[in-house]
Amino acid sequence: MDDRALAAAIVAGDAVALRHLIDRESGRLLRACVRVVGDVDAAADVVQETFIGAVAALPGYRGEGDLGHWLVRIAVRRALRTRRLYRGEPLEQVDVAGSDDEPDNDLLQRERDHRIRDAVAALPEPYREMIVLRYFAELDPLAIASATGTPLETVRTRLRRGLARLRVELGDEVAA
């Protein structure tokens, strides 16, 4: 079933179509939200809110672009809002005693991830959205252009500029 037909079926109240959409997209949305928020439970809440909001907004879905990319964009924006709400509060508990192999490495990795999420959240809007969609939601530049309605070269420029800002902020933690 193509995305337009799937959206139309969901709008018409087809529970099977809705279950299909949730099964198809929830993994990708959860991965993207966990990367933004840094907490699995908070990310799961964001994904659930995304589906609830998206179902309500589906009558306005024009069928331009991929439905999954549309959902990722909604989820990422909700995750960024959630991240701002939790700013200053730790979203995850680091259980060093629970890790048998390398607790110091786990702690360092979590700290690094936290710094990266904070630096991305602090980026100005056009760069933040592009970076999150590219590296957290794992969309390619063409998919980002389609999902956001932004010209491909503008997407590429914003990605380059966003990464340059992150390199200044994070130094060696950001790969080229």
Protein backbone atom coordinates (compact mmCIF):
# COMPACT_ATOMS: atom_id res chain seq x y z
CA MET A 1 0.00 0.00 0.00
CA ASP A 2 1.46 3.38 -0.96
CA ASP A 3 1.65 6.25 1.52
CA ARG A 4 -1.34 8.18 0.16
CA ALA A 5 -3.57 5.12 0.34
CA LEU A 6 -2.26 4.29 3.80
CA ALA A 7 -2.95 7.84 5.04
CA ALA A 8 -6.43 7.79 3.50
CA ALA A 9 -7.20 4.46 5.16
CA ILE A 10 -6.07 5.75 8.56
CA VAL A 11 -8.15 8.92 8.15
CA ALA A 12 -11.13 6.67 7.30
CA GLY A 13 -10.62 4.85 10.62
CA ASP A 14 -8.88 1.68 9.43
CA ALA A 15 -7.18 0.29 12.55
CA VAL A 16 -5.20 -2.27 10.52
CA ALA A 17 -3.69 0.51 8.41
CA LEU A 18 -2.76 2.44 11.55
CA ARG A 19 -1.14 -0.68 13.06
CA HIS A 20 0.81 -1.15 9.80
CA LEU A 21 2.10 2.43 9.96
CA ILE A 22 3.06 2.10 13.63
CA ASP A 23 4.83 -1.22 13.03
CA ARG A 24 6.64 0.14 9.99
CA GLU A 25 7.85 3.44 11.47
CA SER A 26 8.08 3.12 15.26
CA GLY A 27 11.61 1.66 15.30
CA ARG A 28 13.06 4.47 13.23
CA LEU A 29 11.20 7.11 15.25
CA LEU A 30 12.33 5.62 18.55
CA ARG A 31 15.99 5.50 17.47
CA ALA A 32 15.89 9.13 16.34
CA CYS A 33 14.15 10.29 19.52
CA VAL A 34 16.50 8.39 21.83
CA ARG A 35 19.43 10.10 20.13
CA VAL A 36 17.86 13.51 20.67
CA VAL A 37 16.44 13.05 24.16
CA GLY A 38 18.97 10.58 25.58
CA ASP A 39 16.41 8.54 27.50
CA VAL A 40 14.49 5.53 26.17
CA ASP A 41 11.36 6.10 28.26
CA ALA A 42 11.13 9.79 27.35
CA ALA A 43 11.77 8.92 23.70
CA ALA A 44 9.00 6.29 23.76
CA ASP A 45 6.63 8.94 25.12
CA VAL A 46 7.65 11.28 22.29
CA VAL A 47 7.02 8.54 19.71
CA GLN A 48 3.58 7.84 21.16
CA GLU A 49 2.74 11.56 21.13
CA THR A 50 4.01 11.74 17.55
CA PHE A 51 1.63 9.04 16.37
CA ILE A 52 -1.30 10.61 18.22
CA GLY A 53 -0.54 14.03 16.76
CA ALA A 54 0.15 12.63 13.30
CA VAL A 55 -3.16 10.77 13.15
CA ALA A 56 -4.93 14.01 14.00
CA ALA A 57 -2.91 15.85 11.33
CA LEU A 58 -3.23 13.15 8.62
CA PRO A 59 -6.18 14.83 6.89
CA GLY A 60 -3.72 17.63 6.06
CA TYR A 61 -1.07 15.24 4.69
CA ARG A 62 -0.78 16.08 1.00
CA GLY A 63 1.02 12.90 0.01
CA GLU A 64 4.09 14.80 -1.11
CA GLY A 65 7.15 12.93 0.00
CA ASP A 66 7.48 9.88 2.18
CA LEU A 67 5.03 9.46 5.06
CA GLY A 68 7.84 8.02 7.20
CA HIS A 69 9.98 11.13 6.66
CA TRP A 70 7.01 13.31 7.59
CA LEU A 71 6.65 11.34 10.83
CA VAL A 72 10.39 11.56 11.58
CA ARG A 73 10.26 15.32 11.19
CA ILE A 74 7.33 15.57 13.61
CA ALA A 75 9.05 13.23 16.08
CA VAL A 76 12.36 15.08 15.95
CA ARG A 77 10.67 18.42 16.62
CA ARG A 78 8.78 16.94 19.57
CA ALA A 79 11.98 15.35 20.86
CA LEU A 80 13.82 18.67 20.67
CA ARG A 81 11.01 20.33 22.64
CA THR A 82 11.17 17.52 25.20
CA ARG A 83 14.95 17.93 25.43
CA ARG A 84 14.55 21.64 26.15
CA LEU A 85 12.00 20.87 28.87
CA TYR A 86 14.46 18.54 30.59
CA ARG A 87 17.47 20.84 30.15
CA GLY A 88 19.43 20.95 33.35
CA GLU A 89 18.00 17.66 34.61
CA PRO A 90 19.79 14.38 34.01
CA LEU A 91 17.61 12.19 31.80
CA GLU A 92 19.51 9.02 32.44
CA GLN A 93 20.93 7.34 35.48
CA VAL A 94 24.44 6.05 34.96
CA ASP A 95 24.77 2.68 36.66
CA VAL A 96 28.52 2.17 36.77
CA ALA A 97 28.26 -0.72 39.21
CA GLY A 98 25.91 -2.57 36.84
CA SER A 99 28.41 -2.78 34.01
CA ASP A 100 30.86 -5.68 34.24
CA ASP A 101 33.10 -4.96 31.29
CA GLU A 102 34.40 -1.39 31.13
CA PRO A 103 32.43 0.92 33.43
CA ASP A 104 34.78 3.85 32.76
CA ASN A 105 34.29 3.48 29.02
CA ASP A 106 30.49 3.37 29.46
CA LEU A 107 30.59 6.47 31.60
CA LEU A 108 32.82 8.32 29.13
CA GLN A 109 30.60 7.31 26.21
CA ARG A 110 27.47 8.52 28.00
CA GLU A 111 29.15 11.80 28.86
CA ARG A 112 30.27 12.23 25.25
CA ASP A 113 26.76 11.47 23.97
CA HIS A 114 25.30 13.95 26.45
CA ARG A 115 27.71 16.69 25.31
CA ILE A 116 26.89 16.04 21.66
CA ARG A 117 23.13 16.13 22.30
CA ASP A 118 23.51 19.39 24.22
CA ALA A 119 25.64 20.95 21.48
CA VAL A 120 23.16 19.92 18.78
CA ALA A 121 20.23 21.23 20.83
CA ALA A 122 22.03 24.58 21.16
CA LEU A 123 22.47 25.01 17.39
CA PRO A 124 20.37 27.70 15.68
CA GLU A 125 17.19 26.29 14.12
CA PRO A 126 18.02 25.78 10.47
CA TYR A 127 21.22 23.90 11.34
CA ARG A 128 19.77 21.94 14.27
CA GLU A 129 16.91 20.49 12.22
CA MET A 130 19.21 19.43 9.38
CA ILE A 131 21.80 17.84 11.72
CA VAL A 132 19.14 15.96 13.69
CA LEU A 133 17.40 14.67 10.58
CA ARG A 134 20.71 13.62 8.99
CA TYR A 135 22.57 12.07 11.90
CA PHE A 136 19.92 11.20 14.47
CA ALA A 137 17.06 10.21 12.16
CA GLU A 138 19.55 8.89 9.56
CA LEU A 139 17.88 10.52 6.57
CA ASP A 140 19.99 11.23 3.50
CA PRO A 141 20.14 14.83 2.21
CA LEU A 142 17.67 14.10 -0.58
CA ALA A 143 15.14 12.69 1.91
CA ILE A 144 15.66 15.73 4.16
CA ALA A 145 15.03 18.05 1.21
CA SER A 146 11.85 16.15 0.41
CA ALA A 147 10.64 16.03 4.02
CA THR A 148 11.29 19.69 4.74
CA GLY A 149 10.56 21.21 1.34
CA THR A 150 14.06 22.72 1.36
CA PRO A 151 16.21 22.77 -1.79
CA LEU A 152 18.87 20.05 -1.78
CA GLU A 153 21.78 22.51 -1.98
CA THR A 154 20.36 24.44 0.98
CA VAL A 155 20.18 21.20 2.97
CA ARG A 156 23.81 20.44 2.12
CA THR A 157 24.91 23.97 3.03
CA ARG A 158 23.09 23.87 6.36
CA LEU A 159 24.60 20.48 7.14
CA ARG A 160 28.12 21.76 6.41
CA ARG A 161 27.60 24.91 8.46
CA GLY A 162 25.96 23.00 11.31
CA LEU A 163 28.83 20.52 11.44
CA ALA A 164 31.34 23.39 11.37
CA ARG A 165 29.64 24.93 14.41
CA LEU A 166 29.64 21.58 16.19
CA ARG A 167 33.36 21.13 15.47
CA VAL A 168 34.08 24.47 17.10
CA GLU A 169 31.97 23.53 20.13
CA LEU A 170 33.04 19.89 20.48
CA GLY A 171 36.47 19.69 18.88
CA ASP A 172 37.55 16.11 18.19
CA GLU A 173 34.20 14.60 19.20
CA VAL A 174 32.70 15.44 15.78
CA ALA A 175 33.95 13.52 12.76
CA ALA A 176 34.44 15.25 9.43
